[in-house]
Amino acid sequence: MVTAITSFGRSGTSDWLVQRVSGVILLAYFVFIAAVVVTGVDYAGWKALFGQTWVRVFSLMAVLSLAAHAWIGLWAVVTDYLTERMMGTSGNVLRISAQLVIALILFVYVVWGVQILWGY
């Protein structure tokens, strides 16, 4: 049995809720960005759009939602497929290593996203 020590929400119900809420935020952000692109925005318009605080906050919510959504989804895949039963005695080491690599990559992406959105 895999313990929930590396789970995002510490329970299946809260992980399920985070997945659904983050999915709705990502869908809303995708629809917003698609609408902006379809209207034919140029560089000046794009820069002006992202100069507004509400767009930066919405974009930050999307970045954080993507990280949470990806973590929960990848955590489920890793804990399902990298087990001692399937991988032998190295299953735990491989699973924890994969989770650490995923967490590091997601952390770097979040920091990078914050720097892009709020850096000058």
N, C-alpha and C. Protein backbone atom coordinates (compact mmCIF):
# COMPACT_ATOMS: atom_id res chain seq x y z
N MET A 1 0.84 -1.18 0.00
CA MET A 1 0.00 0.00 0.00
C MET A 1 0.88 1.24 0.00
N VAL A 2 0.50 2.23 -0.80
CA VAL A 2 1.26 3.47 -0.90
C VAL A 2 0.69 4.46 0.11
N THR A 3 1.56 5.06 0.89
CA THR A 3 1.10 6.05 1.86
C THR A 3 0.87 7.38 1.16
N ALA A 4 0.05 8.21 1.77
CA ALA A 4 -0.33 9.49 1.18
C ALA A 4 0.60 10.62 1.59
N ILE A 5 1.82 10.30 1.98
CA ILE A 5 2.73 11.34 2.46
C ILE A 5 3.10 12.33 1.35
N THR A 6 3.11 11.89 0.11
CA THR A 6 3.44 12.79 -0.98
C THR A 6 2.21 13.24 -1.76
N SER A 7 1.03 12.92 -1.28
CA SER A 7 -0.19 13.36 -1.92
C SER A 7 -0.36 14.86 -1.70
N PHE A 8 -1.01 15.52 -2.63
CA PHE A 8 -1.16 16.98 -2.54
C PHE A 8 -2.12 17.37 -1.42
N GLY A 9 -3.28 16.77 -1.40
CA GLY A 9 -4.31 17.18 -0.46
C GLY A 9 -4.46 16.29 0.75
N ARG A 10 -3.67 15.25 0.85
CA ARG A 10 -3.68 14.31 1.98
C ARG A 10 -4.89 13.39 2.01
N SER A 11 -5.84 13.58 1.10
CA SER A 11 -6.95 12.63 1.03
C SER A 11 -7.45 12.57 -0.41
N GLY A 12 -8.09 11.48 -0.73
CA GLY A 12 -8.61 11.32 -2.09
C GLY A 12 -9.67 12.35 -2.43
N THR A 13 -10.50 12.70 -1.46
CA THR A 13 -11.56 13.67 -1.71
C THR A 13 -10.99 15.05 -1.99
N SER A 14 -10.03 15.48 -1.20
CA SER A 14 -9.47 16.81 -1.43
C SER A 14 -8.64 16.83 -2.73
N ASP A 15 -7.95 15.74 -3.04
CA ASP A 15 -7.23 15.67 -4.31
C ASP A 15 -8.22 15.75 -5.48
N TRP A 16 -9.33 15.05 -5.36
CA TRP A 16 -10.37 15.08 -6.39
C TRP A 16 -10.89 16.50 -6.57
N LEU A 17 -11.13 17.19 -5.47
CA LEU A 17 -11.65 18.56 -5.54
C LEU A 17 -10.62 19.51 -6.15
N VAL A 18 -9.35 19.37 -5.78
CA VAL A 18 -8.30 20.21 -6.35
C VAL A 18 -8.20 19.95 -7.86
N GLN A 19 -8.30 18.69 -8.27
CA GLN A 19 -8.27 18.37 -9.70
C GLN A 19 -9.41 19.06 -10.45
N ARG A 20 -10.60 19.03 -9.89
CA ARG A 20 -11.76 19.61 -10.58
C ARG A 20 -11.67 21.13 -10.61
N VAL A 21 -11.32 21.75 -9.50
CA VAL A 21 -11.23 23.22 -9.46
C VAL A 21 -10.10 23.70 -10.37
N SER A 22 -8.95 23.05 -10.31
CA SER A 22 -7.84 23.45 -11.17
C SER A 22 -8.18 23.23 -12.64
N GLY A 23 -8.92 22.18 -12.94
CA GLY A 23 -9.35 21.94 -14.32
C GLY A 23 -10.27 23.03 -14.84
N VAL A 24 -11.19 23.50 -14.00
CA VAL A 24 -12.09 24.58 -14.39
C VAL A 24 -11.31 25.88 -14.61
N ILE A 25 -10.36 26.17 -13.73
CA ILE A 25 -9.53 27.38 -13.89
C ILE A 25 -8.73 27.29 -15.18
N LEU A 26 -8.14 26.14 -15.46
CA LEU A 26 -7.36 25.98 -16.69
C LEU A 26 -8.24 26.10 -17.93
N LEU A 27 -9.45 25.56 -17.88
CA LEU A 27 -10.37 25.68 -19.01
C LEU A 27 -10.74 27.15 -19.24
N ALA A 28 -11.07 27.86 -18.17
CA ALA A 28 -11.42 29.27 -18.29
C ALA A 28 -10.25 30.07 -18.85
N TYR A 29 -9.05 29.79 -18.40
CA TYR A 29 -7.87 30.51 -18.89
C TYR A 29 -7.62 30.19 -20.36
N PHE A 30 -7.75 28.93 -20.74
CA PHE A 30 -7.56 28.55 -22.14
C PHE A 30 -8.58 29.25 -23.03
N VAL A 31 -9.83 29.29 -22.62
CA VAL A 31 -10.87 29.95 -23.41
C VAL A 31 -10.56 31.45 -23.52
N PHE A 32 -10.13 32.06 -22.43
CA PHE A 32 -9.77 33.48 -22.44
C PHE A 32 -8.62 33.75 -23.41
N ILE A 33 -7.55 32.99 -23.31
CA ILE A 33 -6.39 33.19 -24.18
C ILE A 33 -6.75 32.89 -25.63
N ALA A 34 -7.53 31.86 -25.88
CA ALA A 34 -7.97 31.55 -27.24
C ALA A 34 -8.80 32.69 -27.83
N ALA A 35 -9.68 33.27 -27.03
CA ALA A 35 -10.49 34.39 -27.50
C ALA A 35 -9.61 35.60 -27.84
N VAL A 36 -8.61 35.85 -27.03
CA VAL A 36 -7.69 36.97 -27.29
C VAL A 36 -6.91 36.72 -28.58
N VAL A 37 -6.43 35.50 -28.77
CA VAL A 37 -5.65 35.18 -29.97
C VAL A 37 -6.52 35.24 -31.21
N VAL A 38 -7.75 34.74 -31.12
CA VAL A 38 -8.65 34.72 -32.28
C VAL A 38 -9.01 36.15 -32.71
N THR A 39 -9.09 37.07 -31.77
CA THR A 39 -9.42 38.45 -32.12
C THR A 39 -8.28 39.15 -32.84
N GLY A 40 -7.13 38.54 -32.93
CA GLY A 40 -6.02 39.10 -33.68
C GLY A 40 -5.26 40.16 -32.91
N VAL A 41 -4.75 39.82 -31.79
CA VAL A 41 -4.01 40.78 -30.97
C VAL A 41 -2.58 40.91 -31.50
N ASP A 42 -2.06 42.14 -31.48
CA ASP A 42 -0.67 42.35 -31.86
C ASP A 42 0.19 42.45 -30.60
N TYR A 43 1.49 42.68 -30.78
CA TYR A 43 2.40 42.71 -29.63
C TYR A 43 2.03 43.81 -28.64
N ALA A 44 1.71 44.98 -29.14
CA ALA A 44 1.35 46.10 -28.25
C ALA A 44 0.09 45.77 -27.44
N GLY A 45 -0.89 45.16 -28.11
CA GLY A 45 -2.12 44.76 -27.41
C GLY A 45 -1.87 43.67 -26.38
N TRP A 46 -1.02 42.71 -26.75
CA TRP A 46 -0.67 41.62 -25.83
C TRP A 46 0.03 42.18 -24.60
N LYS A 47 0.98 43.09 -24.83
CA LYS A 47 1.72 43.69 -23.72
C LYS A 47 0.80 44.51 -22.83
N ALA A 48 -0.12 45.25 -23.44
CA ALA A 48 -1.08 46.04 -22.66
C ALA A 48 -2.01 45.12 -21.86
N LEU A 49 -2.41 44.02 -22.48
CA LEU A 49 -3.29 43.07 -21.78
C LEU A 49 -2.60 42.51 -20.55
N PHE A 50 -1.36 42.07 -20.71
CA PHE A 50 -0.64 41.47 -19.58
C PHE A 50 -0.06 42.53 -18.63
N GLY A 51 -0.22 43.79 -18.97
CA GLY A 51 0.14 44.85 -18.05
C GLY A 51 -0.94 45.09 -17.00
N GLN A 52 -2.11 44.52 -17.22
CA GLN A 52 -3.22 44.67 -16.27
C GLN A 52 -3.07 43.64 -15.14
N THR A 53 -3.31 44.11 -13.94
CA THR A 53 -3.12 43.26 -12.77
C THR A 53 -4.04 42.04 -12.79
N TRP A 54 -5.28 42.20 -13.19
CA TRP A 54 -6.22 41.08 -13.15
C TRP A 54 -5.79 39.96 -14.11
N VAL A 55 -5.17 40.31 -15.25
CA VAL A 55 -4.70 39.29 -16.18
C VAL A 55 -3.50 38.56 -15.58
N ARG A 56 -2.64 39.29 -14.90
CA ARG A 56 -1.49 38.65 -14.25
C ARG A 56 -1.95 37.71 -13.14
N VAL A 57 -2.93 38.14 -12.36
CA VAL A 57 -3.45 37.29 -11.28
C VAL A 57 -4.12 36.05 -11.87
N PHE A 58 -4.91 36.23 -12.93
CA PHE A 58 -5.56 35.10 -13.60
C PHE A 58 -4.51 34.15 -14.16
N SER A 59 -3.45 34.69 -14.74
CA SER A 59 -2.37 33.87 -15.28
C SER A 59 -1.64 33.13 -14.17
N LEU A 60 -1.42 33.80 -13.04
CA LEU A 60 -0.78 33.14 -11.90
C LEU A 60 -1.66 32.02 -11.36
N MET A 61 -2.97 32.26 -11.30
CA MET A 61 -3.89 31.20 -10.89
C MET A 61 -3.79 30.01 -11.84
N ALA A 62 -3.66 30.28 -13.13
CA ALA A 62 -3.55 29.20 -14.12
C ALA A 62 -2.23 28.44 -13.94
N VAL A 63 -1.14 29.14 -13.68
CA VAL A 63 0.15 28.48 -13.47
C VAL A 63 0.09 27.59 -12.22
N LEU A 64 -0.45 28.13 -11.14
CA LEU A 64 -0.56 27.34 -9.90
C LEU A 64 -1.52 26.17 -10.07
N SER A 65 -2.61 26.40 -10.80
CA SER A 65 -3.56 25.31 -11.07
C SER A 65 -2.92 24.22 -11.91
N LEU A 66 -2.12 24.63 -12.90
CA LEU A 66 -1.44 23.65 -13.73
C LEU A 66 -0.47 22.81 -12.90
N ALA A 67 0.26 23.46 -12.00
CA ALA A 67 1.21 22.72 -11.15
C ALA A 67 0.47 21.75 -10.23
N ALA A 68 -0.60 22.20 -9.60
CA ALA A 68 -1.37 21.32 -8.70
C ALA A 68 -2.00 20.17 -9.48
N HIS A 69 -2.59 20.50 -10.64
CA HIS A 69 -3.24 19.49 -11.47
C HIS A 69 -2.23 18.44 -11.94
N ALA A 70 -1.07 18.92 -12.39
CA ALA A 70 -0.04 18.01 -12.87
C ALA A 70 0.50 17.15 -11.73
N TRP A 71 0.71 17.75 -10.56
CA TRP A 71 1.25 16.98 -9.43
C TRP A 71 0.32 15.84 -9.04
N ILE A 72 -0.97 16.14 -8.91
CA ILE A 72 -1.91 15.10 -8.49
C ILE A 72 -2.01 14.02 -9.56
N GLY A 73 -2.09 14.41 -10.82
CA GLY A 73 -2.18 13.43 -11.90
C GLY A 73 -0.95 12.57 -12.00
N LEU A 74 0.22 13.18 -11.96
CA LEU A 74 1.46 12.41 -12.05
C LEU A 74 1.71 11.59 -10.80
N TRP A 75 1.30 12.10 -9.64
CA TRP A 75 1.42 11.33 -8.41
C TRP A 75 0.62 10.03 -8.53
N ALA A 76 -0.60 10.15 -9.07
CA ALA A 76 -1.45 8.97 -9.23
C ALA A 76 -0.81 7.96 -10.19
N VAL A 77 -0.28 8.45 -11.29
CA VAL A 77 0.36 7.55 -12.26
C VAL A 77 1.59 6.88 -11.66
N VAL A 78 2.44 7.67 -11.00
CA VAL A 78 3.67 7.13 -10.43
C VAL A 78 3.37 6.11 -9.33
N THR A 79 2.42 6.42 -8.46
CA THR A 79 2.11 5.47 -7.38
C THR A 79 1.38 4.23 -7.89
N ASP A 80 0.72 4.33 -9.04
CA ASP A 80 0.07 3.16 -9.61
C ASP A 80 1.05 2.23 -10.32
N TYR A 81 2.05 2.80 -10.98
CA TYR A 81 2.91 1.99 -11.84
C TYR A 81 4.32 1.74 -11.31
N LEU A 82 4.79 2.55 -10.38
CA LEU A 82 6.12 2.32 -9.81
C LEU A 82 5.97 1.78 -8.39
N THR A 83 5.64 0.51 -8.30
CA THR A 83 5.43 -0.14 -7.00
C THR A 83 6.43 -1.28 -6.86
N GLU A 84 6.59 -1.75 -5.63
CA GLU A 84 7.47 -2.89 -5.38
C GLU A 84 6.97 -4.13 -6.12
N ARG A 85 5.68 -4.27 -6.20
CA ARG A 85 5.11 -5.44 -6.86
C ARG A 85 5.45 -5.46 -8.35
N MET A 86 5.48 -4.28 -8.98
CA MET A 86 5.75 -4.21 -10.42
C MET A 86 7.23 -4.03 -10.73
N MET A 87 7.97 -3.35 -9.86
CA MET A 87 9.35 -2.99 -10.16
C MET A 87 10.36 -3.77 -9.32
N GLY A 88 9.91 -4.59 -8.42
CA GLY A 88 10.83 -5.30 -7.54
C GLY A 88 11.21 -4.41 -6.36
N THR A 89 12.31 -4.71 -5.73
CA THR A 89 12.71 -3.97 -4.53
C THR A 89 13.09 -2.53 -4.82
N SER A 90 13.40 -2.20 -6.05
CA SER A 90 13.78 -0.82 -6.38
C SER A 90 12.56 0.06 -6.65
N GLY A 91 11.37 -0.50 -6.52
CA GLY A 91 10.15 0.25 -6.81
C GLY A 91 9.98 1.49 -5.96
N ASN A 92 10.23 1.36 -4.63
CA ASN A 92 10.08 2.52 -3.75
C ASN A 92 11.09 3.60 -4.06
N VAL A 93 12.33 3.21 -4.28
CA VAL A 93 13.38 4.18 -4.59
C VAL A 93 13.07 4.89 -5.91
N LEU A 94 12.64 4.12 -6.90
CA LEU A 94 12.30 4.68 -8.20
C LEU A 94 11.10 5.61 -8.10
N ARG A 95 10.09 5.21 -7.34
CA ARG A 95 8.89 6.04 -7.17
C ARG A 95 9.22 7.35 -6.48
N ILE A 96 9.98 7.29 -5.40
CA ILE A 96 10.32 8.51 -4.68
C ILE A 96 11.23 9.40 -5.52
N SER A 97 12.15 8.81 -6.25
CA SER A 97 13.02 9.58 -7.14
C SER A 97 12.20 10.28 -8.22
N ALA A 98 11.27 9.56 -8.81
CA ALA A 98 10.41 10.16 -9.84
C ALA A 98 9.59 11.30 -9.26
N GLN A 99 9.06 11.11 -8.05
CA GLN A 99 8.28 12.17 -7.42
C GLN A 99 9.13 13.39 -7.11
N LEU A 100 10.36 13.19 -6.69
CA LEU A 100 11.26 14.32 -6.43
C LEU A 100 11.59 15.07 -7.71
N VAL A 101 11.84 14.36 -8.78
CA VAL A 101 12.13 15.00 -10.06
C VAL A 101 10.91 15.79 -10.55
N ILE A 102 9.74 15.19 -10.46
CA ILE A 102 8.51 15.87 -10.87
C ILE A 102 8.29 17.12 -10.02
N ALA A 103 8.46 17.00 -8.71
CA ALA A 103 8.27 18.16 -7.82
C ALA A 103 9.26 19.26 -8.14
N LEU A 104 10.50 18.91 -8.42
CA LEU A 104 11.50 19.92 -8.76
C LEU A 104 11.16 20.62 -10.07
N ILE A 105 10.76 19.86 -11.07
CA ILE A 105 10.38 20.45 -12.36
C ILE A 105 9.18 21.38 -12.19
N LEU A 106 8.17 20.94 -11.45
CA LEU A 106 6.99 21.79 -11.24
C LEU A 106 7.34 23.05 -10.46
N PHE A 107 8.22 22.93 -9.47
CA PHE A 107 8.66 24.09 -8.70
C PHE A 107 9.37 25.10 -9.61
N VAL A 108 10.26 24.60 -10.45
CA VAL A 108 10.99 25.48 -11.38
C VAL A 108 10.01 26.17 -12.32
N TYR A 109 9.03 25.44 -12.83
CA TYR A 109 8.04 26.04 -13.73
C TYR A 109 7.22 27.12 -13.02
N VAL A 110 6.84 26.88 -11.78
CA VAL A 110 6.07 27.89 -11.03
C VAL A 110 6.91 29.14 -10.79
N VAL A 111 8.15 28.95 -10.36
CA VAL A 111 9.04 30.10 -10.13
C VAL A 111 9.26 30.85 -11.44
N TRP A 112 9.48 30.14 -12.51
CA TRP A 112 9.68 30.74 -13.82
C TRP A 112 8.43 31.52 -14.25
N GLY A 113 7.26 30.94 -14.04
CA GLY A 113 6.00 31.61 -14.38
C GLY A 113 5.82 32.89 -13.58
N VAL A 114 6.13 32.85 -12.30
CA VAL A 114 6.03 34.05 -11.46
C VAL A 114 6.99 35.12 -11.96
N GLN A 115 8.21 34.70 -12.29
CA GLN A 115 9.19 35.66 -12.80
C GLN A 115 8.71 36.29 -14.12
N ILE A 116 8.14 35.50 -15.00
CA ILE A 116 7.64 36.03 -16.27
C ILE A 116 6.50 37.00 -16.03
N LEU A 117 5.58 36.64 -15.14
CA LEU A 117 4.40 37.47 -14.91
C LEU A 117 4.69 38.74 -14.11
N TRP A 118 5.53 38.64 -13.11
CA TRP A 118 5.71 39.76 -12.19
C TRP A 118 7.09 40.39 -12.25
N GLY A 119 8.02 39.80 -13.01
CA GLY A 119 9.36 40.37 -13.13
C GLY A 119 9.35 41.57 -14.07
N TYR A 120 10.36 42.38 -13.95
CA TYR A 120 10.43 43.57 -14.81
C TYR A 120 11.70 43.58 -15.60
